Amino acid sequence: MADPPERRLSRLIVALLSHLTPAFDRPYAFFGHSMGALIAFELARALRRTPAPGLQHLFVSAHRAPSIAGRRRYHQLDDRELRRVLRRIGGSPDAVLAHDELMDLLLPTVRADFELCETYRYAAAAPLDVPITVFAGNEDSEVSSGDLDGWRHESLTGVDIHVLEGGHFFLDEARDHVLSSIAAALGVAASGRSGGRAT
């Protein structure tokens, strides 16, 4: 809580590389939901330039293709409007949203997270040499079905898109499907790419 929140994805990726690269000494995969999907994608791109290229699979959830510019500017809303957005998107308990003192603590971080995503600028680069699995909710007000096709251009080895029942936080209802899809994909990746076990 004492650390200032990061507001630019490029700086966050540098920090993540510094902290996480020593852990990439075996095959691994990334899963990111919403903001995490964007972070996982750019981290995967950055890792191509390091001695730790053991990524087996990228799983992204509830995020449009990175090449599609964002249309929202939630980080510029006042606190009242931002709370309304959080209530509409879901994922935050009503008891938390109704607690003024707690929201006073949380909103600066939430606002910084939105700013990090909303100031992101996609840079064209070679597609990743790993499969990508995309999960999305069919009632997600933040990500339309047309926002997903662009992911197909980000992998040389295939993109699998799963549109599931639910909104932005469809993971709550689709947990079993998502977990079984991840397990199946990692099983293929582990035997087909590394001969070992993906972690």
C-alpha atoms as a PDB file:
ATOM      1  CA  MET A   1       0.000   0.000   0.000  1.00  0.00           C
ATOM      2  CA  ALA A   2       2.921   2.329   0.604  1.00  0.00           C
ATOM      3  CA  ASP A   3       4.356   1.905  -2.893  1.00  0.00           C
ATOM      4  CA  PRO A   4       3.169   4.356  -5.553  1.00  0.00           C
ATOM      5  CA  PRO A   5       1.139   2.586  -8.240  1.00  0.00           C
ATOM      6  CA  GLU A   6       2.677   2.204 -11.699  1.00  0.00           C
ATOM      7  CA  ARG A   7       0.821   4.121 -14.415  1.00  0.00           C
ATOM      8  CA  ARG A   8       2.753   3.079 -17.531  1.00  0.00           C
ATOM      9  CA  LEU A   9       2.917  -0.465 -18.844  1.00  0.00           C
ATOM     10  CA  SER A  10       6.401  -0.097 -20.305  1.00  0.00           C
ATOM     11  CA  ARG A  11       7.863   0.686 -16.872  1.00  0.00           C
ATOM     12  CA  LEU A  12       5.917  -2.140 -15.244  1.00  0.00           C
ATOM     13  CA  ILE A  13       7.322  -4.631 -17.773  1.00  0.00           C
ATOM     14  CA  VAL A  14      10.890  -3.538 -16.962  1.00  0.00           C
ATOM     15  CA  ALA A  15      10.202  -4.068 -13.261  1.00  0.00           C
ATOM     16  CA  LEU A  16       8.608  -7.466 -13.856  1.00  0.00           C
ATOM     17  CA  LEU A  17      11.540  -8.629 -15.965  1.00  0.00           C
ATOM     18  CA  SER A  18      13.926  -7.637 -13.199  1.00  0.00           C
ATOM     19  CA  HIS A  19      12.020  -9.558 -10.541  1.00  0.00           C
ATOM     20  CA  LEU A  20      10.723 -12.581 -12.457  1.00  0.00           C
ATOM     21  CA  THR A  21      13.443 -13.556 -14.926  1.00  0.00           C
ATOM     22  CA  PRO A  22      15.344 -15.698 -12.359  1.00  0.00           C
ATOM     23  CA  ALA A  23      12.206 -17.853 -12.012  1.00  0.00           C
ATOM     24  CA  PHE A  24      12.079 -18.651 -15.725  1.00  0.00           C
ATOM     25  CA  ASP A  25      14.516 -21.550 -15.530  1.00  0.00           C
ATOM     26  CA  ARG A  26      11.925 -24.129 -16.667  1.00  0.00           C
ATOM     27  CA  PRO A  27       9.011 -24.161 -19.114  1.00  0.00           C
ATOM     28  CA  TYR A  28       6.219 -21.799 -18.044  1.00  0.00           C
ATOM     29  CA  ALA A  29       2.942 -20.259 -19.189  1.00  0.00           C
ATOM     30  CA  PHE A  30       1.197 -16.952 -18.511  1.00  0.00           C
ATOM     31  CA  PHE A  31      -2.441 -16.351 -17.690  1.00  0.00           C
ATOM     32  CA  GLY A  32      -3.797 -12.809 -17.474  1.00  0.00           C
ATOM     33  CA  HIS A  33      -7.331 -11.549 -16.965  1.00  0.00           C
ATOM     34  CA  SER A  34      -8.400  -8.056 -18.086  1.00  0.00           C
ATOM     35  CA  MET A  35      -5.462  -5.757 -17.279  1.00  0.00           C
ATOM     36  CA  GLY A  36      -3.425  -8.890 -16.580  1.00  0.00           C
ATOM     37  CA  ALA A  37      -3.949 -10.061 -20.157  1.00  0.00           C
ATOM     38  CA  LEU A  38      -2.250  -6.954 -21.500  1.00  0.00           C
ATOM     39  CA  ILE A  39       0.590  -7.313 -19.015  1.00  0.00           C
ATOM     40  CA  ALA A  40       1.075 -10.999 -19.873  1.00  0.00           C
ATOM     41  CA  PHE A  41       1.128 -10.230 -23.599  1.00  0.00           C
ATOM     42  CA  GLU A  42       3.741  -7.486 -23.362  1.00  0.00           C
ATOM     43  CA  LEU A  43       5.812  -9.496 -20.898  1.00  0.00           C
ATOM     44  CA  ALA A  44       5.816 -12.405 -23.355  1.00  0.00           C
ATOM     45  CA  ARG A  45       7.017 -10.060 -26.080  1.00  0.00           C
ATOM     46  CA  ALA A  46       9.748  -8.618 -23.883  1.00  0.00           C
ATOM     47  CA  LEU A  47      11.017 -12.046 -22.855  1.00  0.00           C
ATOM     48  CA  ARG A  48      11.928 -12.819 -26.467  1.00  0.00           C
ATOM     49  CA  ARG A  49      14.841 -10.442 -26.016  1.00  0.00           C
ATOM     50  CA  THR A  50      16.173 -12.228 -22.897  1.00  0.00           C
ATOM     51  CA  PRO A  51      17.952 -15.542 -22.247  1.00  0.00           C
ATOM     52  CA  ALA A  52      14.688 -16.959 -20.796  1.00  0.00           C
ATOM     53  CA  PRO A  53      12.536 -17.787 -23.834  1.00  0.00           C
ATOM     54  CA  GLY A  54      10.820 -20.839 -22.292  1.00  0.00           C
ATOM     55  CA  LEU A  55       7.233 -19.587 -22.553  1.00  0.00           C
ATOM     56  CA  GLN A  56       4.967 -22.464 -23.624  1.00  0.00           C
ATOM     57  CA  HIS A  57       1.551 -20.838 -23.855  1.00  0.00           C
ATOM     58  CA  LEU A  58      -0.153 -17.488 -23.379  1.00  0.00           C
ATOM     59  CA  PHE A  59      -3.667 -17.430 -21.914  1.00  0.00           C
ATOM     60  CA  VAL A  60      -5.518 -14.114 -22.055  1.00  0.00           C
ATOM     61  CA  SER A  61      -8.948 -13.373 -20.698  1.00  0.00           C
ATOM     62  CA  ALA A  62     -11.452 -10.508 -20.908  1.00  0.00           C
ATOM     63  CA  HIS A  63      -9.299  -8.212 -23.022  1.00  0.00           C
ATOM     64  CA  ARG A  64      -9.593  -7.005 -26.597  1.00  0.00           C
ATOM     65  CA  ALA A  65      -6.753  -7.677 -29.023  1.00  0.00           C
ATOM     66  CA  PRO A  66      -3.871  -5.367 -28.091  1.00  0.00           C
ATOM     67  CA  SER A  67      -3.782  -3.841 -31.570  1.00  0.00           C
ATOM     68  CA  ILE A  68      -7.267  -2.362 -31.008  1.00  0.00           C
ATOM     69  CA  ALA A  69      -7.021   1.033 -29.361  1.00  0.00           C
ATOM     70  CA  GLY A  70      -8.963   1.484 -26.162  1.00  0.00           C
ATOM     71  CA  ARG A  71     -12.086   3.616 -26.269  1.00  0.00           C
ATOM     72  CA  ARG A  72     -12.478   4.317 -22.541  1.00  0.00           C
ATOM     73  CA  ARG A  73     -10.934   6.956 -20.324  1.00  0.00           C
ATOM     74  CA  TYR A  74     -12.121   5.751 -16.962  1.00  0.00           C
ATOM     75  CA  HIS A  75      -9.026   7.031 -15.195  1.00  0.00           C
ATOM     76  CA  GLN A  76     -10.185  10.588 -15.903  1.00  0.00           C
ATOM     77  CA  LEU A  77     -13.539  10.145 -14.148  1.00  0.00           C
ATOM     78  CA  ASP A  78     -14.217  11.587 -10.721  1.00  0.00           C
ATOM     79  CA  ASP A  79     -14.443   9.179  -7.805  1.00  0.00           C
ATOM     80  CA  ARG A  80     -18.225   8.902  -7.877  1.00  0.00           C
ATOM     81  CA  GLU A  81     -18.329   8.034 -11.577  1.00  0.00           C
ATOM     82  CA  LEU A  82     -15.442   5.614 -11.228  1.00  0.00           C
ATOM     83  CA  ARG A  83     -17.308   3.760  -8.502  1.00  0.00           C
ATOM     84  CA  ARG A  84     -20.314   3.502 -10.815  1.00  0.00           C
ATOM     85  CA  VAL A  85     -18.090   1.981 -13.497  1.00  0.00           C
ATOM     86  CA  LEU A  86     -16.746  -0.576 -11.034  1.00  0.00           C
ATOM     87  CA  ARG A  87     -20.265  -1.501  -9.988  1.00  0.00           C
ATOM     88  CA  ARG A  88     -21.358  -1.921 -13.617  1.00  0.00           C
ATOM     89  CA  ILE A  89     -18.346  -3.996 -14.653  1.00  0.00           C
ATOM     90  CA  GLY A  90     -18.678  -6.255 -11.628  1.00  0.00           C
ATOM     91  CA  GLY A  91     -15.974  -8.078  -9.730  1.00  0.00           C
ATOM     92  CA  SER A  92     -16.107  -5.775  -6.705  1.00  0.00           C
ATOM     93  CA  PRO A  93     -18.399  -6.720  -3.803  1.00  0.00           C
ATOM     94  CA  ASP A  94     -21.177  -4.230  -3.077  1.00  0.00           C
ATOM     95  CA  ALA A  95     -20.024  -4.041   0.540  1.00  0.00           C
ATOM     96  CA  VAL A  96     -16.625  -2.805  -0.615  1.00  0.00           C
ATOM     97  CA  LEU A  97     -18.062  -0.285  -3.096  1.00  0.00           C
ATOM     98  CA  ALA A  98     -20.343   1.095  -0.383  1.00  0.00           C
ATOM     99  CA  HIS A  99     -17.529   1.520   2.162  1.00  0.00           C
ATOM    100  CA  ASP A 100     -16.293   5.094   1.747  1.00  0.00           C
ATOM    101  CA  GLU A 101     -13.099   4.796   3.797  1.00  0.00           C
ATOM    102  CA  LEU A 102     -12.057   1.590   2.078  1.00  0.00           C
ATOM    103  CA  MET A 103     -12.766   3.047  -1.363  1.00  0.00           C
ATOM    104  CA  ASP A 104     -10.688   6.111  -0.490  1.00  0.00           C
ATOM    105  CA  LEU A 105      -7.780   3.705  -0.034  1.00  0.00           C
ATOM    106  CA  LEU A 106      -8.469   1.607  -3.123  1.00  0.00           C
ATOM    107  CA  LEU A 107      -9.489   4.136  -5.765  1.00  0.00           C
ATOM    108  CA  PRO A 108      -6.015   5.624  -6.375  1.00  0.00           C
ATOM    109  CA  THR A 109      -4.702   2.157  -7.255  1.00  0.00           C
ATOM    110  CA  VAL A 110      -7.760   1.323  -9.350  1.00  0.00           C
ATOM    111  CA  ARG A 111      -7.427   4.630 -11.186  1.00  0.00           C
ATOM    112  CA  ALA A 112      -3.733   3.972 -11.841  1.00  0.00           C
ATOM    113  CA  ASP A 113      -4.567   0.513 -13.224  1.00  0.00           C
ATOM    114  CA  PHE A 114      -7.087   2.029 -15.623  1.00  0.00           C
ATOM    115  CA  GLU A 115      -4.556   4.680 -16.644  1.00  0.00           C
ATOM    116  CA  LEU A 116      -1.916   2.033 -17.325  1.00  0.00           C
ATOM    117  CA  CYS A 117      -4.279   0.233 -19.702  1.00  0.00           C
ATOM    118  CA  GLU A 118      -5.800   3.332 -21.277  1.00  0.00           C
ATOM    119  CA  THR A 119      -2.445   4.949 -22.103  1.00  0.00           C
ATOM    120  CA  TYR A 120      -1.040   1.752 -23.633  1.00  0.00           C
ATOM    121  CA  ARG A 121       0.048   2.103 -27.251  1.00  0.00           C
ATOM    122  CA  TYR A 122       0.464  -1.012 -29.329  1.00  0.00           C
ATOM    123  CA  ALA A 123       3.671  -1.332 -31.351  1.00  0.00           C
ATOM    124  CA  ALA A 124       3.671  -3.703 -34.311  1.00  0.00           C
ATOM    125  CA  ALA A 125       6.105  -6.606 -33.921  1.00  0.00           C
ATOM    126  CA  ALA A 126       6.557 -10.178 -35.067  1.00  0.00           C
ATOM    127  CA  PRO A 127       3.908 -12.560 -33.731  1.00  0.00           C
ATOM    128  CA  LEU A 128       4.761 -14.702 -30.726  1.00  0.00           C
ATOM    129  CA  ASP A 129       6.055 -18.195 -31.402  1.00  0.00           C
ATOM    130  CA  VAL A 130       3.680 -19.728 -28.836  1.00  0.00           C
ATOM    131  CA  PRO A 131      -0.012 -20.626 -28.934  1.00  0.00           C
ATOM    132  CA  ILE A 132      -2.500 -18.153 -27.499  1.00  0.00           C
ATOM    133  CA  THR A 133      -5.796 -19.120 -25.888  1.00  0.00           C
ATOM    134  CA  VAL A 134      -8.335 -16.329 -25.528  1.00  0.00           C
ATOM    135  CA  PHE A 135     -11.260 -16.431 -23.089  1.00  0.00           C
ATOM    136  CA  ALA A 136     -14.105 -13.915 -23.200  1.00  0.00           C
ATOM    137  CA  GLY A 137     -17.602 -13.410 -21.828  1.00  0.00           C
ATOM    138  CA  ASN A 138     -20.476 -13.055 -24.265  1.00  0.00           C
ATOM    139  CA  GLU A 139     -22.043 -10.286 -22.157  1.00  0.00           C
ATOM    140  CA  ASP A 140     -18.861  -8.345 -21.421  1.00  0.00           C
ATOM    141  CA  SER A 141     -19.638  -4.644 -21.824  1.00  0.00           C
ATOM    142  CA  GLU A 142     -15.910  -3.883 -22.088  1.00  0.00           C
ATOM    143  CA  VAL A 143     -14.921  -6.405 -24.783  1.00  0.00           C
ATOM    144  CA  SER A 144     -17.029  -7.138 -27.851  1.00  0.00           C
ATOM    145  CA  SER A 145     -16.745 -10.249 -30.002  1.00  0.00           C
ATOM    146  CA  GLY A 146     -15.234  -8.109 -32.762  1.00  0.00           C
ATOM    147  CA  ASP A 147     -12.465  -7.082 -30.375  1.00  0.00           C
ATOM    148  CA  LEU A 148     -11.174 -10.652 -30.175  1.00  0.00           C
ATOM    149  CA  ASP A 149     -10.244 -11.514 -33.770  1.00  0.00           C
ATOM    150  CA  GLY A 150      -7.129  -9.359 -33.686  1.00  0.00           C
ATOM    151  CA  TRP A 151      -5.557 -11.827 -31.281  1.00  0.00           C
ATOM    152  CA  ARG A 152      -5.237 -14.215 -34.249  1.00  0.00           C
ATOM    153  CA  HIS A 153      -2.447 -12.023 -35.646  1.00  0.00           C
ATOM    154  CA  GLU A 154      -0.350 -12.274 -32.475  1.00  0.00           C
ATOM    155  CA  SER A 155       0.726 -15.928 -32.729  1.00  0.00           C
ATOM    156  CA  LEU A 156       2.588 -17.952 -35.333  1.00  0.00           C
ATOM    157  CA  THR A 157       1.387 -21.238 -33.869  1.00  0.00           C
ATOM    158  CA  GLY A 158      -2.342 -20.715 -33.472  1.00  0.00           C
ATOM    159  CA  VAL A 159      -4.993 -18.865 -31.498  1.00  0.00           C
ATOM    160  CA  ASP A 160      -7.967 -20.565 -29.851  1.00  0.00           C
ATOM    161  CA  ILE A 161     -10.878 -18.321 -28.816  1.00  0.00           C
ATOM    162  CA  HIS A 162     -13.444 -19.408 -26.215  1.00  0.00           C
ATOM    163  CA  VAL A 163     -16.522 -17.191 -25.800  1.00  0.00           C
ATOM    164  CA  LEU A 164     -18.293 -18.198 -22.611  1.00  0.00           C
ATOM    165  CA  GLU A 165     -21.454 -17.208 -20.795  1.00  0.00           C
ATOM    166  CA  GLY A 166     -21.069 -14.137 -18.613  1.00  0.00           C
ATOM    167  CA  GLY A 167     -19.821 -10.584 -18.320  1.00  0.00           C
ATOM    168  CA  HIS A 168     -16.370  -9.165 -17.659  1.00  0.00           C
ATOM    169  CA  PHE A 169     -15.855 -11.488 -14.704  1.00  0.00           C
ATOM    170  CA  PHE A 170     -17.224 -14.606 -16.403  1.00  0.00           C
ATOM    171  CA  LEU A 171     -14.440 -16.569 -14.697  1.00  0.00           C
ATOM    172  CA  ASP A 172     -16.649 -16.905 -11.630  1.00  0.00           C
ATOM    173  CA  GLU A 173     -19.161 -19.001 -13.567  1.00  0.00           C
ATOM    174  CA  ALA A 174     -16.831 -20.587 -16.143  1.00  0.00           C
ATOM    175  CA  ARG A 175     -14.078 -21.662 -13.774  1.00  0.00           C
ATOM    176  CA  ASP A 176     -14.237 -25.373 -14.626  1.00  0.00           C
ATOM    177  CA  HIS A 177     -14.184 -24.774 -18.386  1.00  0.00           C
ATOM    178  CA  VAL A 178     -11.275 -22.351 -18.138  1.00  0.00           C
ATOM    179  CA  LEU A 179      -9.232 -24.629 -15.886  1.00  0.00           C
ATOM    180  CA  SER A 180      -9.826 -27.718 -18.031  1.00  0.00           C
ATOM    181  CA  SER A 181      -8.907 -25.756 -21.183  1.00  0.00           C
ATOM    182  CA  ILE A 182      -5.691 -24.539 -19.581  1.00  0.00           C
ATOM    183  CA  ALA A 183      -4.786 -28.024 -18.369  1.00  0.00           C
ATOM    184  CA  ALA A 184      -5.391 -29.521 -21.816  1.00  0.00           C
ATOM    185  CA  ALA A 185      -3.371 -26.813 -23.558  1.00  0.00           C
ATOM    186  CA  LEU A 186      -0.446 -27.152 -21.170  1.00  0.00           C
ATOM    187  CA  GLY A 187      -0.457 -30.897 -21.571  1.00  0.00           C
ATOM    188  CA  VAL A 188      -0.056 -30.494 -25.342  1.00  0.00           C
ATOM    189  CA  ALA A 189       2.542 -27.762 -24.902  1.00  0.00           C
ATOM    190  CA  ALA A 190       4.571 -29.733 -22.391  1.00  0.00           C
ATOM    191  CA  SER A 191       4.815 -32.878 -24.517  1.00  0.00           C
ATOM    192  CA  GLY A 192       5.003 -31.146 -27.872  1.00  0.00           C
ATOM    193  CA  ARG A 193       7.423 -28.323 -27.219  1.00  0.00           C
ATOM    194  CA  SER A 194       9.698 -29.124 -24.341  1.00  0.00           C
ATOM    195  CA  GLY A 195       9.324 -32.786 -23.507  1.00  0.00           C
ATOM    196  CA  GLY A 196       9.024 -31.671 -19.884  1.00  0.00           C
ATOM    197  CA  ARG A 197       6.405 -30.312 -17.613  1.00  0.00           C
ATOM    198  CA  ALA A 198       5.051 -26.792 -18.059  1.00  0.00           C
ATOM    199  CA  THR A 199       4.625 -24.799 -14.863  1.00  0.00           C
END
